Amino acid sequence: MQRSTAILLITLLLASIAGIALGKYTGHLPLTPHKEKIVVVTFPNLKGDVELLVKGCNIKVVSLAPPGVDPHSYTLSPEKAKLARNAILVVSTGHAPFELSLRKIVPPDKLVEINKIPGIKLAKLPGSDKVNPHLPILDPHNYKVFINYVRWKLGEVLPKCYDKLYGNMVNVTIALSDITRGDQGILGKPLQPRPAVITSPPLQYAVQWLGLRPVLLLSPGEGANPPPGIVEKVKNILENDGVAVVMTVPPHGEPYSKLDAWLINVAKEVNATVFAVPAPFALNSTIKVIYYVSIEATALSIPSAATGNTG
């Protein structure tokens, strides 16, 4: 498949996601509120992913945390707790405080915690022995495992919709392949294994699969003015062919936090590369984040006309 064809397929996929998010999907008539089956997700960026799976199955997908709000600071309301209790399936990342409270109100067979899905590969945080639980599905391998597992769990409670669930899963997997495979896909080729400074844990999964090596995680608690020792360490990494990986807010790409803005400024001071990852909480699907990350990586992997080097 040529790159132009791959881009067209992904554009149609993302348009489908956008249509669902805006309430324009007309593939089935809505059920009455009393008969409607609901799948609950904890983070808003999971909503579009599950909607792609259940398309045509008369299922409504609801996010507990609203769009644009950091789910880590979200508090579960009694109404949302009741919604989760009555859902046919709850999909959770399994690490935010309000998500941990779901374990007390949702039966284990109806609760999918992404970090516990068999086959999901969890990385250790840069410079630490601690596992990174923050959105491992930003890595395409983990995303594929996630999509297949959720499809299987939904098939258990929706046996009449098994064929549609399976077909939808295959379509998503094909689209993911068209985004991430080399040469003929949207992503031309992996990046060189350059060291990276990241501002938040999800960014590790967003760029590690591309070949970048996150070697330093800046603690969000350091705010906009990290201590001098960290400043020099960051500059040293960036000056030695390092990459500053920051989170931005679509559609205009403003820094997500003061720390992201600070790292961008430091990168500019030493003329280092800045790699922008759209904030997952601001988009309506994880595959959309992977798509934009692939586009960013493609731009960085184009050889320089002057030097012939990548990056």
Protein backbone atom coordinates (compact mmCIF):
# COMPACT_ATOMS: atom_id res chain seq x y z
CA MET A 1 0.00 0.00 0.00
CA GLN A 2 1.40 3.38 -0.95
CA ARG A 3 1.76 6.07 1.72
CA SER A 4 -0.98 8.22 0.13
CA THR A 5 -3.42 5.32 0.36
CA ALA A 6 -2.43 4.65 3.96
CA ILE A 7 -2.96 8.31 4.87
CA LEU A 8 -6.40 8.23 3.21
CA LEU A 9 -7.41 5.17 5.24
CA ILE A 10 -6.29 6.78 8.49
CA THR A 11 -8.04 10.03 7.58
CA LEU A 12 -11.28 8.11 7.06
CA LEU A 13 -10.77 6.30 10.36
CA LEU A 14 -10.18 9.53 12.26
CA ALA A 15 -13.17 11.12 10.55
CA SER A 16 -15.25 8.19 11.79
CA ILE A 17 -13.96 8.76 15.31
CA ALA A 18 -14.77 12.46 15.09
CA GLY A 19 -18.28 11.71 13.85
CA ILE A 20 -18.92 9.42 16.79
CA ALA A 21 -17.57 11.99 19.25
CA LEU A 22 -19.87 14.65 17.82
CA GLY A 23 -22.91 12.41 17.99
CA LYS A 24 -23.26 12.18 14.22
CA TYR A 25 -22.95 8.41 13.85
CA THR A 26 -26.16 7.07 12.28
CA GLY A 27 -25.32 3.42 11.83
CA HIS A 28 -28.12 2.37 14.21
CA LEU A 29 -31.14 3.82 15.90
CA PRO A 30 -30.58 4.76 19.57
CA LEU A 31 -32.25 2.60 22.16
CA THR A 32 -34.50 4.02 24.84
CA PRO A 33 -32.58 5.11 27.99
CA HIS A 34 -34.03 2.23 30.01
CA LYS A 35 -32.85 -0.45 27.56
CA GLU A 36 -29.57 1.09 26.49
CA LYS A 37 -26.45 -0.96 27.15
CA ILE A 38 -23.51 1.10 28.35
CA VAL A 39 -19.76 0.56 28.39
CA VAL A 40 -17.94 2.89 30.78
CA VAL A 41 -14.36 4.07 30.29
CA THR A 42 -12.43 6.02 32.89
CA PHE A 43 -10.34 8.29 30.65
CA PRO A 44 -11.89 10.31 27.78
CA ASN A 45 -9.23 9.19 25.28
CA LEU A 46 -10.43 5.58 25.72
CA LYS A 47 -13.93 6.49 24.57
CA GLY A 48 -13.20 6.69 20.86
CA ASP A 49 -11.20 3.47 20.93
CA VAL A 50 -14.06 1.47 22.45
CA GLU A 51 -16.57 3.18 20.14
CA LEU A 52 -14.60 1.88 17.17
CA LEU A 53 -15.01 -1.64 18.55
CA VAL A 54 -18.74 -1.48 19.30
CA LYS A 55 -19.81 0.35 16.13
CA GLY A 56 -23.06 -1.23 14.96
CA CYS A 57 -23.71 -3.03 18.25
CA ASN A 58 -26.25 -0.62 19.83
CA ILE A 59 -23.86 0.27 22.65
CA LYS A 60 -23.27 3.66 24.23
CA VAL A 61 -19.77 4.45 25.53
CA VAL A 62 -19.44 6.93 28.39
CA SER A 63 -16.32 8.42 29.94
CA LEU A 64 -16.27 9.04 33.69
CA ALA A 65 -13.65 11.80 33.54
CA PRO A 66 -14.73 14.60 31.17
CA PRO A 67 -12.59 15.75 28.20
CA GLY A 68 -9.94 18.34 28.97
CA VAL A 69 -9.65 17.34 32.64
CA ASP A 70 -6.60 15.53 33.97
CA PRO A 71 -8.12 12.22 35.17
CA HIS A 72 -5.54 12.00 37.94
CA SER A 73 -7.28 14.85 39.77
CA TYR A 74 -10.83 13.71 39.01
CA THR A 75 -13.16 12.69 41.83
CA LEU A 76 -15.84 10.08 41.21
CA SER A 77 -19.36 11.43 41.87
CA PRO A 78 -22.22 9.23 43.21
CA GLU A 79 -23.95 9.48 39.84
CA LYS A 80 -20.89 8.32 37.94
CA ALA A 81 -20.31 5.54 40.46
CA LYS A 82 -23.85 4.28 39.81
CA LEU A 83 -23.22 4.46 36.06
CA ALA A 84 -20.10 2.32 36.42
CA ARG A 85 -21.93 -0.17 38.65
CA ASN A 86 -24.65 -0.69 36.02
CA ALA A 87 -22.36 -0.85 32.97
CA ILE A 88 -21.89 -4.10 31.04
CA LEU A 89 -18.14 -3.43 31.07
CA VAL A 90 -15.81 -0.85 32.65
CA VAL A 91 -12.45 -0.12 31.01
CA SER A 92 -9.88 1.48 33.33
CA THR A 93 -6.17 2.26 33.22
CA GLY A 94 -6.09 0.99 36.80
CA HIS A 95 -3.85 3.57 38.44
CA ALA A 96 -5.57 6.95 39.03
CA PRO A 97 -7.09 7.34 42.53
CA PHE A 98 -10.70 7.36 41.34
CA GLU A 99 -10.02 4.27 39.23
CA LEU A 100 -8.82 2.34 42.27
CA SER A 101 -12.14 3.07 43.98
CA LEU A 102 -13.94 1.28 41.12
CA ARG A 103 -12.57 -2.03 42.39
CA LYS A 104 -14.98 -1.76 45.31
CA ILE A 105 -18.11 -1.20 43.23
CA VAL A 106 -17.53 -3.05 39.93
CA PRO A 107 -17.42 -6.89 39.81
CA PRO A 108 -13.98 -8.20 38.76
CA ASP A 109 -15.40 -9.92 35.67
CA LYS A 110 -16.79 -6.58 34.43
CA LEU A 111 -13.69 -4.50 35.16
CA VAL A 112 -10.86 -4.35 32.61
CA GLU A 113 -7.71 -2.73 33.99
CA ILE A 114 -5.31 -2.09 31.14
CA ASN A 115 -2.15 -2.61 33.20
CA LYS A 116 -3.35 -6.14 34.07
CA ILE A 117 -4.23 -7.27 30.54
CA PRO A 118 -2.14 -10.32 29.57
CA GLY A 119 0.47 -9.34 26.99
CA ILE A 120 0.68 -5.66 27.92
CA LYS A 121 4.35 -4.71 28.28
CA LEU A 122 5.05 -2.26 31.10
CA ALA A 123 8.28 -0.27 31.12
CA LYS A 124 10.27 0.95 34.10
CA LEU A 125 10.34 4.69 34.60
CA PRO A 126 13.60 6.34 33.47
CA GLY A 127 16.22 6.06 36.21
CA SER A 128 13.93 4.01 38.45
CA ASP A 129 12.99 0.44 39.31
CA LYS A 130 9.33 1.43 39.46
CA VAL A 131 6.94 0.31 36.72
CA ASN A 132 5.30 3.03 34.65
CA PRO A 133 1.49 2.51 34.81
CA HIS A 134 0.58 5.62 32.80
CA LEU A 135 -1.16 4.80 29.50
CA PRO A 136 1.00 1.95 28.17
CA ILE A 137 -1.39 1.73 25.18
CA LEU A 138 0.35 4.75 23.67
CA ASP A 139 2.79 2.06 22.52
CA PRO A 140 1.25 0.44 19.40
CA HIS A 141 2.12 -3.09 20.54
CA ASN A 142 0.20 -2.56 23.77
CA TYR A 143 -2.61 -0.83 21.92
CA LYS A 144 -3.10 -3.85 19.69
CA VAL A 145 -3.20 -6.17 22.72
CA PHE A 146 -5.68 -3.84 24.42
CA ILE A 147 -8.04 -3.68 21.44
CA ASN A 148 -8.08 -7.45 21.05
CA TYR A 149 -8.66 -8.08 24.75
CA VAL A 150 -11.51 -5.57 25.09
CA ARG A 151 -13.10 -7.08 21.97
CA TRP A 152 -12.94 -10.50 23.62
CA LYS A 153 -14.45 -9.23 26.89
CA LEU A 154 -17.26 -7.49 25.04
CA GLY A 155 -17.91 -10.67 23.07
CA GLU A 156 -18.57 -12.48 26.36
CA VAL A 157 -21.41 -10.11 27.28
CA LEU A 158 -22.56 -9.42 23.71
CA PRO A 159 -22.44 -12.82 21.95
CA LYS A 160 -24.91 -11.70 19.26
CA CYS A 161 -22.50 -8.92 18.28
CA TYR A 162 -19.39 -11.13 18.12
CA ASP A 163 -18.96 -10.89 14.34
CA LYS A 164 -19.23 -7.09 14.31
CA LEU A 165 -16.85 -6.79 17.24
CA TYR A 166 -14.32 -9.01 15.50
CA GLY A 167 -14.66 -7.16 12.19
CA ASN A 168 -14.25 -3.80 13.90
CA MET A 169 -11.17 -5.06 15.73
CA VAL A 170 -9.61 -6.20 12.46
CA ASN A 171 -10.26 -2.80 10.88
CA VAL A 172 -8.61 -0.99 13.79
CA THR A 173 -5.63 -3.35 13.65
CA ILE A 174 -5.18 -2.74 9.92
CA ALA A 175 -5.35 1.02 10.46
CA LEU A 176 -2.77 0.75 13.25
CA SER A 177 -0.47 -1.20 10.95
CA ASP A 178 -0.81 1.44 8.25
CA ILE A 179 0.20 4.09 10.77
CA THR A 180 3.20 2.37 12.30
CA ARG A 181 4.88 0.08 9.79
CA GLY A 182 7.99 1.21 7.95
CA ASP A 183 8.53 2.60 4.44
CA GLN A 184 5.03 1.98 3.03
CA GLY A 185 3.15 3.19 6.08
CA ILE A 186 2.65 6.72 7.37
CA LEU A 187 5.71 6.37 9.58
CA GLY A 188 8.62 6.26 7.14
CA LYS A 189 11.07 4.56 9.50
CA PRO A 190 12.01 4.47 13.19
CA LEU A 191 14.08 7.29 14.63
CA GLN A 192 17.70 6.97 15.60
CA PRO A 193 18.14 5.74 19.22
CA ARG A 194 18.67 9.20 20.65
CA PRO A 195 18.35 9.97 24.39
CA ALA A 196 15.21 11.84 25.42
CA VAL A 197 14.09 14.03 28.30
CA ILE A 198 10.36 13.65 29.00
CA THR A 199 8.08 15.80 31.14
CA SER A 200 5.48 13.19 32.15
CA PRO A 201 5.26 9.37 32.38
CA PRO A 202 2.84 8.73 29.44
CA LEU A 203 5.40 10.24 27.07
CA GLN A 204 7.68 7.26 27.69
CA TYR A 205 5.23 4.94 25.93
CA ALA A 206 4.43 7.54 23.26
CA VAL A 207 8.01 7.70 21.93
CA GLN A 208 9.94 4.67 23.18
CA TRP A 209 8.58 2.41 20.43
CA LEU A 210 9.97 4.85 17.84
CA GLY A 211 13.55 4.25 18.95
CA LEU A 212 13.99 7.21 21.31
CA ARG A 213 15.43 6.38 24.75
CA PRO A 214 13.81 8.32 27.61
CA VAL A 215 16.68 8.71 30.09
CA LEU A 216 15.30 11.48 32.30
CA LEU A 217 11.78 12.10 33.59
CA LEU A 218 11.17 15.58 34.95
CA SER A 219 8.92 15.49 37.98
CA PRO A 220 5.77 17.61 37.49
CA GLY A 221 6.27 18.72 41.10
CA GLU A 222 9.31 20.72 40.00
CA GLY A 223 6.99 23.19 38.26
CA ALA A 224 8.39 25.78 35.90
CA ASN A 225 11.67 26.27 37.77
CA PRO A 226 13.51 22.98 38.32
CA PRO A 227 16.57 23.11 40.60
CA PRO A 228 19.89 24.16 38.98
CA GLY A 229 21.30 20.62 39.13
CA ILE A 230 18.46 19.34 36.96
CA VAL A 231 18.84 22.26 34.55
CA GLU A 232 22.46 21.38 33.82
CA LYS A 233 21.62 17.69 33.49
CA VAL A 234 18.86 18.46 30.98
CA LYS A 235 21.13 20.71 28.94
CA ASN A 236 23.88 18.09 28.90
CA ILE A 237 21.50 15.46 27.52
CA LEU A 238 20.02 17.78 24.92
CA GLU A 239 23.43 19.06 23.78
CA ASN A 240 24.52 15.46 23.16
CA ASP A 241 21.96 14.79 20.41
CA GLY A 242 19.13 14.50 22.94
CA VAL A 243 15.46 15.16 22.25
CA ALA A 244 13.07 17.17 24.42
CA VAL A 245 9.73 15.31 24.48
CA VAL A 246 6.86 17.52 25.60
CA MET A 247 3.09 17.30 25.85
CA THR A 248 1.02 19.83 23.94
CA VAL A 249 -2.65 20.73 23.67
CA PRO A 250 -4.30 20.41 20.23
CA PRO A 251 -5.29 21.97 17.93
CA HIS A 252 -2.75 24.79 18.29
CA GLY A 253 -0.02 22.92 20.14
CA GLU A 254 0.39 25.05 23.23
CA PRO A 255 2.48 23.46 26.03
CA TYR A 256 0.31 21.29 28.27
CA SER A 257 1.99 22.48 31.49
CA LYS A 258 4.50 25.02 32.76
CA LEU A 259 7.05 22.23 32.84
CA ASP A 260 6.49 21.51 29.13
CA ALA A 261 6.93 25.22 28.35
CA TRP A 262 10.12 25.28 30.42
CA LEU A 263 11.63 22.29 28.60
CA ILE A 264 10.77 23.80 25.21
CA ASN A 265 12.65 26.98 26.18
CA VAL A 266 15.68 25.01 27.38
CA ALA A 267 15.71 23.05 24.11
CA LYS A 268 15.66 26.30 22.15
CA GLU A 269 18.59 27.63 24.18
CA VAL A 270 20.80 24.71 23.15
CA ASN A 271 19.27 24.30 19.67
CA ALA A 272 17.92 20.83 20.47
CA THR A 273 15.07 18.92 18.85
CA VAL A 274 11.61 19.22 20.40
CA PHE A 275 9.20 16.31 19.90
CA ALA A 276 5.57 17.27 20.57
CA VAL A 277 3.02 14.67 21.70
CA PRO A 278 -0.65 15.74 21.87
CA ALA A 279 -2.14 15.37 25.35
CA PRO A 280 -4.13 12.11 25.40
CA PHE A 281 -6.77 13.68 27.65
CA ALA A 282 -7.53 16.28 24.95
CA LEU A 283 -8.23 13.77 22.16
CA ASN A 284 -11.09 11.30 21.83
CA SER A 285 -9.00 8.21 21.06
CA THR A 286 -5.59 6.73 21.73
CA ILE A 287 -5.06 5.72 18.10
CA LYS A 288 -5.36 9.40 17.22
CA VAL A 289 -2.41 10.17 19.51
CA ILE A 290 -0.37 7.37 17.90
CA TYR A 291 -1.25 8.80 14.48
CA TYR A 292 0.00 12.30 15.34
CA VAL A 293 3.12 10.90 17.01
CA SER A 294 3.88 8.97 13.80
CA ILE A 295 3.49 12.14 11.73
CA GLU A 296 5.87 13.98 14.07
CA ALA A 297 8.38 11.16 13.88
CA THR A 298 8.18 11.10 10.08
CA ALA A 299 9.11 14.80 9.98
CA LEU A 300 12.10 14.20 12.25
CA SER A 301 13.35 11.19 10.28
CA ILE A 302 13.57 13.01 6.93
CA PRO A 303 17.28 13.30 6.01
CA SER A 304 18.73 16.77 6.10
CA ALA A 305 19.50 18.12 2.62
CA ALA A 306 22.71 19.67 3.92
CA THR A 307 24.17 16.82 5.94
CA GLY A 308 22.32 13.70 4.82
CA ASN A 309 21.75 12.76 8.47
CA THR A 310 18.45 11.89 10.07
CA GLY A 311 16.90 13.64 13.04
